[in-house]
N, C-alpha and C. Protein backbone atom coordinates (compact mmCIF):
# COMPACT_ATOMS: atom_id res chain seq x y z
N MET A 1 0.82 -1.14 -0.04
CA MET A 1 0.04 -0.04 0.05
C MET A 1 0.90 1.25 -0.01
N LEU A 2 1.94 1.24 0.73
CA LEU A 2 2.90 2.29 0.96
C LEU A 2 3.52 2.67 -0.45
N MET A 3 3.76 1.70 -1.08
CA MET A 3 4.34 1.68 -2.31
C MET A 3 3.43 2.49 -3.43
N ARG A 4 2.17 2.11 -3.41
CA ARG A 4 1.20 2.60 -4.23
C ARG A 4 0.91 4.23 -4.00
N VAL A 5 1.08 4.37 -2.78
CA VAL A 5 0.97 5.92 -2.35
C VAL A 5 2.13 6.75 -2.86
N ARG A 6 3.39 6.12 -2.84
CA ARG A 6 4.55 6.79 -3.29
C ARG A 6 4.57 7.06 -4.65
N ILE A 7 4.02 6.06 -5.36
CA ILE A 7 3.95 6.10 -6.93
C ILE A 7 3.03 7.18 -7.24
N ALA A 8 1.78 7.23 -6.71
CA ALA A 8 0.87 8.17 -6.96
C ALA A 8 1.43 9.56 -6.60
N CYS A 9 2.09 9.76 -5.62
CA CYS A 9 2.66 11.01 -5.26
C CYS A 9 3.69 11.48 -6.34
N LEU A 10 4.53 10.71 -6.65
CA LEU A 10 5.44 10.84 -7.73
C LEU A 10 4.78 11.26 -9.16
N LEU A 11 3.88 10.58 -9.47
CA LEU A 11 3.05 10.71 -10.67
C LEU A 11 2.42 11.97 -10.54
N ALA A 12 1.89 12.43 -9.44
CA ALA A 12 1.03 13.70 -9.19
C ALA A 12 2.12 14.76 -9.25
N LEU A 13 3.35 14.69 -8.65
CA LEU A 13 4.45 15.66 -8.72
C LEU A 13 4.79 15.92 -10.20
N ALA A 14 4.99 14.81 -11.02
CA ALA A 14 5.47 15.01 -12.30
C ALA A 14 4.41 15.81 -13.14
N LEU A 15 3.12 15.30 -12.75
CA LEU A 15 2.26 16.17 -13.82
C LEU A 15 2.00 17.58 -13.22
N ALA A 16 2.11 17.89 -11.90
CA ALA A 16 1.94 19.09 -11.40
C ALA A 16 3.21 19.99 -11.96
N THR A 17 4.42 19.61 -12.02
CA THR A 17 5.55 20.29 -12.43
C THR A 17 5.74 20.21 -14.05
N GLY A 18 4.93 19.32 -14.44
CA GLY A 18 5.00 19.40 -16.11
C GLY A 18 6.21 18.68 -16.52
N CYS A 19 6.88 17.81 -15.64
CA CYS A 19 7.93 17.03 -16.00
C CYS A 19 7.53 15.75 -16.76
N SER A 20 8.31 15.73 -17.83
CA SER A 20 8.04 14.63 -18.73
C SER A 20 9.27 14.29 -19.59
N ARG A 21 9.19 13.21 -20.12
CA ARG A 21 10.42 12.81 -21.01
C ARG A 21 10.64 13.89 -22.07
N ALA A 22 9.69 14.55 -22.70
CA ALA A 22 9.68 15.63 -23.52
C ALA A 22 10.48 16.83 -23.14
N ASP A 23 10.22 17.09 -21.84
CA ASP A 23 10.89 18.25 -21.15
C ASP A 23 12.49 17.98 -21.00
N SER A 24 12.86 16.71 -20.95
CA SER A 24 14.32 16.45 -20.80
C SER A 24 14.96 16.61 -22.18
N ILE A 25 14.35 16.67 -23.27
CA ILE A 25 14.90 16.80 -24.55
C ILE A 25 14.95 18.27 -24.78
N PRO A 26 16.18 18.98 -24.80
CA PRO A 26 16.13 20.40 -25.11
C PRO A 26 15.80 20.68 -26.64
N GLU A 27 15.13 21.66 -26.82
CA GLU A 27 14.87 21.93 -28.36
C GLU A 27 15.70 23.23 -28.52
N GLY A 28 16.15 23.43 -29.93
CA GLY A 28 16.78 24.66 -30.06
C GLY A 28 18.13 24.59 -30.13
N VAL A 29 18.76 25.26 -29.18
CA VAL A 29 20.20 25.58 -29.05
C VAL A 29 20.65 25.25 -27.55
N LEU A 30 21.83 24.44 -27.59
CA LEU A 30 22.49 24.25 -26.31
C LEU A 30 23.84 24.72 -26.42
N GLU A 31 24.33 25.51 -25.43
CA GLU A 31 25.75 25.93 -25.33
C GLU A 31 26.56 25.07 -24.25
N GLY A 32 27.56 24.52 -24.52
CA GLY A 32 28.35 23.69 -23.54
C GLY A 32 29.73 23.41 -23.93
N THR A 33 30.19 22.27 -23.41
CA THR A 33 31.61 21.90 -23.60
C THR A 33 31.44 20.30 -23.83
N VAL A 34 32.27 19.98 -24.93
CA VAL A 34 32.33 18.57 -25.21
C VAL A 34 33.34 17.87 -24.25
N THR A 35 32.83 16.92 -23.54
CA THR A 35 33.70 16.27 -22.45
C THR A 35 34.19 15.01 -22.98
N TYR A 36 33.70 14.38 -24.00
CA TYR A 36 34.17 12.99 -24.49
C TYR A 36 33.71 12.87 -25.91
N VAL A 37 34.58 12.15 -26.65
CA VAL A 37 34.42 11.73 -28.15
C VAL A 37 34.37 10.28 -28.09
N TYR A 38 33.17 9.64 -28.30
CA TYR A 38 32.89 8.19 -28.40
C TYR A 38 33.60 7.60 -29.72
N ASP A 39 33.19 8.34 -30.76
CA ASP A 39 33.71 7.96 -32.18
C ASP A 39 33.58 9.25 -33.06
N GLY A 40 33.58 8.97 -34.20
CA GLY A 40 33.66 10.04 -35.28
C GLY A 40 32.36 10.77 -35.47
N ASP A 41 31.27 10.31 -34.86
CA ASP A 41 29.91 10.93 -34.87
C ASP A 41 29.24 10.95 -33.72
N THR A 42 29.89 10.80 -32.47
CA THR A 42 29.07 10.77 -31.36
C THR A 42 29.94 11.47 -30.19
N VAL A 43 29.42 12.34 -29.39
CA VAL A 43 30.00 12.94 -28.30
C VAL A 43 29.27 13.12 -27.05
N SER A 44 29.87 13.47 -25.99
CA SER A 44 29.31 13.62 -24.70
C SER A 44 29.31 15.28 -24.66
N LEU A 45 28.30 15.98 -24.38
CA LEU A 45 28.16 17.35 -24.17
C LEU A 45 27.61 17.78 -22.97
N SER A 46 28.52 18.50 -21.98
CA SER A 46 28.04 19.14 -20.73
C SER A 46 27.35 20.42 -21.02
N ALA A 47 26.22 20.48 -20.75
CA ALA A 47 25.43 21.73 -20.85
C ALA A 47 24.21 21.89 -19.86
N GLN A 48 23.95 22.99 -19.40
CA GLN A 48 22.67 23.19 -18.53
C GLN A 48 22.82 22.21 -17.29
N GLY A 49 24.00 22.02 -16.83
CA GLY A 49 24.19 21.23 -15.71
C GLY A 49 24.11 19.66 -15.98
N ARG A 50 24.11 19.26 -17.18
CA ARG A 50 23.73 17.75 -17.47
C ARG A 50 24.75 17.52 -18.52
N GLU A 51 24.84 16.12 -18.60
CA GLU A 51 25.68 15.43 -19.75
C GLU A 51 24.62 14.99 -20.69
N TYR A 52 24.85 15.22 -21.95
CA TYR A 52 23.90 14.63 -23.17
C TYR A 52 24.89 13.88 -23.99
N ARG A 53 24.33 12.81 -24.55
CA ARG A 53 25.03 12.03 -25.56
C ARG A 53 24.45 12.67 -26.87
N VAL A 54 25.37 13.00 -27.79
CA VAL A 54 24.98 13.74 -28.95
C VAL A 54 25.52 12.94 -30.14
N ARG A 55 24.44 12.72 -31.17
CA ARG A 55 24.81 12.09 -32.42
C ARG A 55 24.88 13.31 -33.43
N LEU A 56 26.13 13.47 -34.02
CA LEU A 56 26.16 14.36 -35.16
C LEU A 56 25.19 14.07 -36.38
N GLN A 57 24.29 15.07 -36.47
CA GLN A 57 23.24 14.77 -37.79
C GLN A 57 23.78 14.83 -39.02
N GLY A 58 23.52 13.92 -39.95
CA GLY A 58 23.94 14.32 -41.34
C GLY A 58 25.19 13.66 -41.85
N ILE A 59 25.75 12.85 -40.87
CA ILE A 59 27.05 12.15 -41.10
C ILE A 59 27.03 10.74 -40.50
N ASP A 60 27.81 9.96 -40.97
CA ASP A 60 28.07 8.59 -40.39
C ASP A 60 29.47 8.17 -40.51
N ALA A 61 30.23 8.18 -39.41
CA ALA A 61 31.68 7.94 -39.39
C ALA A 61 31.97 6.40 -39.27
N PRO A 62 33.18 5.93 -39.55
CA PRO A 62 33.51 4.55 -39.57
C PRO A 62 33.34 4.03 -38.15
N GLU A 63 33.09 2.73 -37.93
CA GLU A 63 32.91 2.25 -36.79
C GLU A 63 34.37 2.10 -35.95
N HIS A 64 34.50 1.83 -34.72
CA HIS A 64 35.76 1.58 -34.09
C HIS A 64 36.63 0.60 -34.84
N ASP A 65 36.22 -0.51 -34.97
CA ASP A 65 36.93 -1.66 -35.50
C ASP A 65 36.95 -1.63 -37.19
N GLN A 66 36.63 -0.68 -37.75
CA GLN A 66 36.71 -0.42 -39.12
C GLN A 66 37.82 0.40 -39.63
N PRO A 67 38.36 0.20 -40.73
CA PRO A 67 39.53 0.93 -41.16
C PRO A 67 39.10 2.54 -41.06
N TYR A 68 39.84 3.40 -40.66
CA TYR A 68 39.79 4.81 -40.37
C TYR A 68 38.87 5.21 -39.19
N GLY A 69 38.28 4.16 -38.47
CA GLY A 69 37.37 4.34 -37.33
C GLY A 69 38.21 5.29 -36.25
N ASN A 70 39.41 4.86 -35.97
CA ASN A 70 39.98 5.55 -34.79
C ASN A 70 40.64 6.84 -35.30
N ALA A 71 41.01 7.09 -36.57
CA ALA A 71 41.38 8.31 -37.06
C ALA A 71 40.37 9.26 -37.17
N ALA A 72 39.11 8.78 -37.29
CA ALA A 72 37.80 9.66 -37.44
C ALA A 72 37.56 10.20 -36.04
N ARG A 73 37.57 9.22 -34.95
CA ARG A 73 37.51 9.73 -33.64
C ARG A 73 38.61 10.74 -33.23
N ARG A 74 39.69 10.54 -33.61
CA ARG A 74 40.88 11.47 -33.17
C ARG A 74 40.77 12.83 -33.83
N HIS A 75 40.23 12.71 -35.18
CA HIS A 75 40.04 14.05 -35.74
C HIS A 75 38.93 14.88 -35.27
N LEU A 76 37.72 14.17 -34.89
CA LEU A 76 36.66 14.84 -34.10
C LEU A 76 37.10 15.33 -32.68
N GLU A 77 38.03 14.59 -32.00
CA GLU A 77 38.73 15.15 -30.64
C GLU A 77 39.35 16.36 -31.01
N ARG A 78 40.12 16.36 -32.03
CA ARG A 78 40.90 17.71 -32.20
C ARG A 78 39.94 18.74 -32.57
N LEU A 79 38.77 18.57 -33.20
CA LEU A 79 37.90 19.74 -33.49
C LEU A 79 37.22 20.15 -32.20
N VAL A 80 36.64 19.30 -31.35
CA VAL A 80 35.80 19.59 -30.38
C VAL A 80 36.01 19.37 -28.73
N LEU A 81 36.81 18.48 -28.66
CA LEU A 81 37.17 18.00 -27.33
C LEU A 81 37.57 19.10 -26.35
N ASN A 82 36.87 19.19 -25.23
CA ASN A 82 37.17 20.25 -24.17
C ASN A 82 36.88 21.64 -24.70
N LYS A 83 36.23 21.78 -25.64
CA LYS A 83 36.01 23.08 -26.28
C LYS A 83 34.56 23.50 -26.12
N ALA A 84 34.37 24.80 -25.97
CA ALA A 84 33.02 25.46 -25.95
C ALA A 84 32.27 25.36 -27.27
N VAL A 85 31.18 24.71 -27.32
CA VAL A 85 30.37 24.46 -28.52
C VAL A 85 28.90 24.92 -28.64
N ARG A 86 28.28 24.90 -29.57
CA ARG A 86 26.94 25.41 -29.65
C ARG A 86 26.24 24.12 -30.61
N LEU A 87 25.29 23.54 -29.85
CA LEU A 87 24.44 22.45 -30.68
C LEU A 87 23.25 23.02 -30.97
N ASN A 88 22.91 22.85 -32.42
CA ASN A 88 21.53 23.13 -32.89
C ASN A 88 20.88 21.77 -32.74
N THR A 89 19.93 21.51 -31.87
CA THR A 89 19.37 20.21 -31.63
C THR A 89 18.25 20.01 -32.60
N MET A 90 18.14 18.81 -32.98
CA MET A 90 17.09 18.49 -33.90
C MET A 90 16.33 17.16 -33.53
N GLY A 91 16.12 17.15 -32.19
CA GLY A 91 15.25 15.98 -31.65
C GLY A 91 16.25 14.95 -31.12
N GLU A 92 15.90 13.69 -31.14
CA GLU A 92 16.81 12.60 -30.70
C GLU A 92 16.42 11.30 -31.43
N ASP A 93 17.66 10.41 -31.36
CA ASP A 93 17.40 9.21 -32.32
C ASP A 93 16.88 8.22 -31.54
N ARG A 94 16.62 7.06 -32.02
CA ARG A 94 16.08 5.94 -31.44
C ARG A 94 16.58 5.35 -30.17
N TYR A 95 17.99 5.73 -30.22
CA TYR A 95 18.72 5.42 -28.80
C TYR A 95 18.78 6.33 -27.90
N GLY A 96 18.06 7.45 -27.95
CA GLY A 96 18.11 8.42 -26.91
C GLY A 96 19.02 9.48 -26.92
N ARG A 97 19.87 9.48 -28.08
CA ARG A 97 20.85 10.35 -28.25
C ARG A 97 20.26 11.88 -28.89
N LEU A 98 20.73 12.85 -28.34
CA LEU A 98 20.34 14.12 -28.99
C LEU A 98 20.89 14.26 -30.40
N LEU A 99 20.09 14.68 -31.43
CA LEU A 99 20.64 14.72 -32.80
C LEU A 99 20.88 16.22 -32.96
N GLY A 100 21.90 16.59 -33.57
CA GLY A 100 22.15 17.92 -33.89
C GLY A 100 23.51 18.39 -34.53
N LYS A 101 23.54 19.66 -34.89
CA LYS A 101 24.65 20.08 -35.68
C LYS A 101 25.58 20.90 -34.61
N LEU A 102 26.85 20.40 -34.66
CA LEU A 102 27.72 20.95 -33.58
C LEU A 102 28.63 22.07 -34.10
N TRP A 103 28.63 23.27 -33.61
CA TRP A 103 29.33 24.33 -34.02
C TRP A 103 30.49 24.55 -32.98
N VAL A 104 31.79 25.04 -33.56
CA VAL A 104 32.77 25.21 -32.71
C VAL A 104 33.63 26.38 -33.23
N ARG A 105 34.45 27.09 -32.45
CA ARG A 105 35.20 28.14 -32.91
C ARG A 105 36.39 27.52 -33.69
N PRO A 106 36.58 27.96 -35.01
CA PRO A 106 37.77 27.57 -35.70
C PRO A 106 39.06 27.73 -35.06
N ALA A 107 39.91 26.66 -35.15
CA ALA A 107 41.36 26.71 -34.46
C ALA A 107 42.02 28.06 -34.92
N ASP A 108 41.92 28.43 -36.17
CA ASP A 108 42.84 29.48 -36.75
C ASP A 108 42.19 30.77 -36.58
N CYS A 109 41.18 30.84 -35.77
CA CYS A 109 40.50 32.23 -35.46
C CYS A 109 40.05 32.33 -34.02
N PRO A 110 41.06 32.45 -33.15
CA PRO A 110 40.58 32.60 -31.69
C PRO A 110 39.66 33.69 -31.42
N ARG A 111 39.46 34.83 -32.10
CA ARG A 111 38.51 35.87 -31.89
C ARG A 111 37.16 35.63 -32.55
N CYS A 112 37.00 34.58 -33.31
CA CYS A 112 35.77 34.22 -33.94
C CYS A 112 34.70 33.52 -33.01
N ASP A 113 33.63 33.55 -33.45
CA ASP A 113 32.54 32.89 -32.84
C ASP A 113 32.53 31.54 -33.15
N LYS A 114 31.65 30.78 -32.78
CA LYS A 114 31.53 29.26 -32.92
C LYS A 114 30.93 29.33 -34.47
N THR A 115 31.73 29.24 -35.62
CA THR A 115 31.22 29.24 -37.00
C THR A 115 31.64 28.09 -37.67
N LEU A 116 32.35 27.12 -37.04
CA LEU A 116 32.89 25.96 -37.98
C LEU A 116 31.54 24.91 -37.68
N ASP A 117 31.00 24.41 -38.71
CA ASP A 117 30.14 23.21 -38.59
C ASP A 117 31.11 21.92 -38.52
N ALA A 118 31.05 21.44 -37.29
CA ALA A 118 32.03 20.32 -37.06
C ALA A 118 31.40 19.07 -37.85
N ASN A 119 30.11 18.89 -38.04
CA ASN A 119 29.72 17.81 -38.90
C ASN A 119 30.16 17.95 -40.26
N LEU A 120 30.03 19.10 -40.77
CA LEU A 120 30.55 19.26 -42.12
C LEU A 120 32.09 19.12 -42.33
N ALA A 121 32.67 19.61 -41.32
CA ALA A 121 34.36 19.56 -41.29
C ALA A 121 34.79 18.09 -41.29
N MET A 122 33.84 17.09 -40.75
CA MET A 122 34.26 15.69 -40.72
C MET A 122 34.13 15.11 -42.08
N LEU A 123 33.28 15.59 -42.88
CA LEU A 123 33.07 15.26 -44.29
C LEU A 123 34.23 15.76 -45.07
N THR A 124 34.60 17.15 -44.79
CA THR A 124 35.63 17.75 -45.76
C THR A 124 36.85 17.02 -45.49
N VAL A 125 37.20 16.43 -44.50
CA VAL A 125 38.50 15.75 -44.33
C VAL A 125 38.46 14.30 -44.71
N GLY A 126 37.21 13.86 -45.21
CA GLY A 126 37.18 12.42 -45.36
C GLY A 126 37.11 11.42 -44.12
N ALA A 127 36.47 12.10 -43.08
CA ALA A 127 36.43 11.25 -41.79
C ALA A 127 35.02 10.68 -41.66
N ALA A 128 34.08 10.98 -42.65
CA ALA A 128 32.78 10.49 -42.47
C ALA A 128 32.13 10.34 -43.91
N TRP A 129 30.92 9.57 -43.79
CA TRP A 129 30.26 9.73 -45.04
C TRP A 129 29.06 10.75 -44.83
N TRP A 130 28.42 11.29 -46.00
CA TRP A 130 27.25 12.04 -45.72
C TRP A 130 26.06 10.94 -45.78
N TYR A 131 25.31 11.21 -44.70
CA TYR A 131 24.33 10.27 -44.31
C TYR A 131 23.03 10.54 -45.24
N ARG A 132 23.03 9.99 -46.36
CA ARG A 132 22.00 10.17 -47.41
C ARG A 132 20.56 9.69 -46.92
N ALA A 133 20.74 8.66 -46.25
CA ALA A 133 19.44 7.96 -45.77
C ALA A 133 18.48 8.92 -44.97
N PHE A 134 19.08 10.00 -44.29
CA PHE A 134 18.46 10.90 -43.59
C PHE A 134 18.60 12.48 -44.26
N ARG A 135 18.77 12.50 -45.42
CA ARG A 135 18.99 13.83 -45.97
C ARG A 135 17.50 14.64 -45.87
N GLU A 136 16.47 14.04 -45.73
CA GLU A 136 15.20 14.83 -45.67
C GLU A 136 15.04 15.61 -44.27
N ASP A 137 15.99 15.15 -43.39
CA ASP A 137 16.14 15.84 -42.05
C ASP A 137 16.85 16.94 -41.96
N GLN A 138 17.64 17.14 -43.27
CA GLN A 138 18.43 18.37 -43.25
C GLN A 138 17.73 19.45 -44.13
N SER A 139 18.33 20.77 -44.06
CA SER A 139 17.63 21.70 -44.99
C SER A 139 18.44 21.52 -46.34
N GLU A 140 17.69 22.08 -47.25
CA GLU A 140 18.15 22.09 -48.59
C GLU A 140 19.67 22.29 -48.86
N GLU A 141 19.92 23.58 -47.95
CA GLU A 141 21.27 24.02 -48.07
C GLU A 141 22.35 23.13 -47.63
N ASP A 142 21.97 22.53 -46.42
CA ASP A 142 22.91 21.72 -45.72
C ASP A 142 23.14 20.38 -46.62
N ARG A 143 21.95 19.72 -47.24
CA ARG A 143 21.96 18.66 -48.17
C ARG A 143 23.06 18.78 -49.14
N GLY A 144 23.09 20.10 -49.93
CA GLY A 144 23.83 20.45 -50.81
C GLY A 144 25.41 20.68 -50.36
N ARG A 145 25.60 21.27 -49.22
CA ARG A 145 26.78 21.42 -48.72
C ARG A 145 27.48 19.99 -48.24
N TYR A 146 26.72 19.22 -47.52
CA TYR A 146 27.31 17.89 -47.08
C TYR A 146 27.60 17.04 -48.35
N GLU A 147 26.70 16.96 -49.17
CA GLU A 147 27.04 16.10 -50.38
C GLU A 147 28.27 16.58 -51.21
N PHE A 148 28.21 17.85 -51.43
CA PHE A 148 29.45 18.39 -52.06
C PHE A 148 30.82 18.20 -51.37
N ALA A 149 30.82 18.22 -50.03
CA ALA A 149 31.94 18.02 -49.17
C ALA A 149 32.50 16.49 -49.39
N GLU A 150 31.44 15.59 -49.18
CA GLU A 150 31.88 14.11 -49.47
C GLU A 150 32.26 13.84 -50.80
N PHE A 151 31.78 14.40 -51.84
CA PHE A 151 32.10 14.41 -53.22
C PHE A 151 33.61 15.04 -53.42
N GLU A 152 33.89 16.12 -52.69
CA GLU A 152 35.24 16.78 -52.94
C GLU A 152 36.34 15.83 -52.24
N ALA A 153 36.01 15.53 -51.15
CA ALA A 153 36.93 14.57 -50.25
C ALA A 153 37.13 13.19 -51.08
N ARG A 154 36.24 12.74 -51.64
CA ARG A 154 36.29 11.48 -52.57
C ARG A 154 37.27 11.79 -53.68
N GLY A 155 36.97 12.84 -54.20
CA GLY A 155 37.79 13.28 -55.56
C GLY A 155 39.28 13.65 -55.17
N LYS A 156 39.50 13.95 -53.79
CA LYS A 156 40.90 14.32 -53.38
C LYS A 156 41.60 13.05 -52.88
N SER A 157 40.74 11.93 -52.67
CA SER A 157 41.30 10.94 -51.92
C SER A 157 41.85 11.04 -50.63
N VAL A 158 41.14 11.76 -49.68
CA VAL A 158 41.44 12.11 -48.46
C VAL A 158 40.86 11.28 -47.35
N GLY A 159 41.34 11.01 -46.18
CA GLY A 159 40.76 10.27 -45.22
C GLY A 159 40.28 8.94 -45.63
N LEU A 160 39.25 8.49 -45.27
CA LEU A 160 38.68 7.16 -45.70
C LEU A 160 38.66 6.86 -47.17
N TRP A 161 38.45 8.07 -47.92
CA TRP A 161 38.63 7.82 -49.46
C TRP A 161 39.93 7.59 -50.05
N GLN A 162 40.99 7.40 -49.28
CA GLN A 162 42.20 6.77 -49.70
C GLN A 162 41.97 5.42 -50.20
N ASP A 163 41.15 4.61 -49.54
CA ASP A 163 40.70 3.33 -50.10
C ASP A 163 39.88 3.46 -51.40
N GLU A 164 40.09 2.56 -52.16
CA GLU A 164 39.37 2.70 -53.50
C GLU A 164 37.89 2.44 -53.08
N GLU A 165 37.44 1.52 -52.45
CA GLU A 165 35.92 1.21 -52.07
C GLU A 165 35.86 1.13 -50.59
N PRO A 166 35.90 2.24 -49.74
CA PRO A 166 35.66 2.04 -48.33
C PRO A 166 34.27 1.53 -48.06
N THR A 167 34.13 0.73 -46.97
CA THR A 167 32.89 0.07 -46.59
C THR A 167 32.19 1.07 -45.67
N PRO A 168 31.00 1.54 -46.02
CA PRO A 168 30.15 2.51 -45.07
C PRO A 168 29.80 1.74 -43.71
N PRO A 169 29.70 2.38 -42.65
CA PRO A 169 29.45 1.85 -41.39
C PRO A 169 28.07 0.75 -41.56
N TRP A 170 27.15 1.32 -42.26
CA TRP A 170 25.93 0.56 -42.22
C TRP A 170 26.02 -0.75 -43.13
N ASP A 171 27.22 -1.04 -43.70
CA ASP A 171 27.37 -2.36 -44.32
C ASP A 171 28.61 -3.07 -43.60
N TRP A 172 29.13 -2.50 -42.53
CA TRP A 172 30.22 -2.98 -41.97
C TRP A 172 29.49 -4.16 -41.12
N PRO A 173 30.09 -5.41 -41.30
CA PRO A 173 29.46 -6.54 -40.66
C PRO A 173 29.48 -6.56 -39.06
N ARG A 174 30.32 -6.10 -38.40
CA ARG A 174 30.23 -6.19 -36.97
C ARG A 174 29.18 -5.09 -36.52
N GLY A 175 29.21 -4.04 -37.11
CA GLY A 175 28.10 -2.92 -36.78
C GLY A 175 26.79 -3.56 -36.99
N ALA A 176 26.57 -4.13 -38.22
CA ALA A 176 25.24 -4.80 -38.57
C ALA A 176 24.81 -5.69 -37.54
N ALA A 177 25.78 -6.66 -37.18
CA ALA A 177 25.44 -7.64 -36.09
C ALA A 177 25.05 -7.21 -34.75
N LYS A 178 26.02 -6.22 -34.42
CA LYS A 178 26.02 -5.64 -33.11
C LYS A 178 24.55 -4.92 -32.81
N SER A 179 24.13 -4.19 -33.64
CA SER A 179 22.91 -3.42 -33.50
C SER A 179 21.68 -3.72 -34.46
N ASN A 180 22.04 -4.67 -35.19
CA ASN A 180 20.88 -5.17 -36.13
C ASN A 180 20.30 -4.05 -37.02
N ARG A 181 21.17 -3.14 -37.48
CA ARG A 181 20.84 -2.07 -38.12
C ARG A 181 20.71 -2.28 -39.56
N ALA A 182 19.74 -1.54 -40.17
CA ALA A 182 19.56 -1.42 -41.70
C ALA A 182 20.38 -0.41 -42.23
N PRO A 183 20.45 -0.11 -43.51
CA PRO A 183 21.19 0.91 -44.10
C PRO A 183 21.04 2.44 -43.53
N ASP A 184 19.60 2.44 -43.00
CA ASP A 184 19.38 3.78 -42.40
C ASP A 184 19.64 3.86 -40.80
N GLY A 185 20.07 2.64 -40.24
CA GLY A 185 20.00 2.35 -38.92
C GLY A 185 21.04 2.90 -38.14
N GLY A 186 21.76 3.91 -38.46
CA GLY A 186 22.92 4.51 -37.45
C GLY A 186 22.22 5.63 -36.66
N ARG A 187 20.83 5.80 -36.68
CA ARG A 187 20.39 6.92 -35.68
C ARG A 187 19.50 6.30 -34.77
């Protein structure tokens, strides 16, 4: 009986304060610091007194055990680790990670604002694929930029494009078996 009363009180408190799962997902913009880089497309962001796991929207980087996977993670670390960033949030993925575009101050411009799109920068150096399966989640402008950045990196044979036919993460055997994901399943 006491347990029922406690549950009822907690439910009433949540309803009265408007606390819900949706309230825990920030919409719009988060300012914070990247505290950890999991791989080439996922980071931990400290903002508003909380830690958020963030999936960079519009890109898919090689898995850890995949060729260029560790290099992609190291490149993202150089771009954003322990740096002040701005995240334009775009909801969350099916794993509960925030989705978004991560902005950071360019390394060569200490007086600049956060004007470097880290997601796009990963494509530019050949550290990730443009995630075409989710192109509809991007603005038309971003679709054009991201597609061109991948095309240019491929043409210059930089990063993962040094391999003649690099295997995208959604086709990588271990990743497919680990998460049972389809070609669009990185989100």
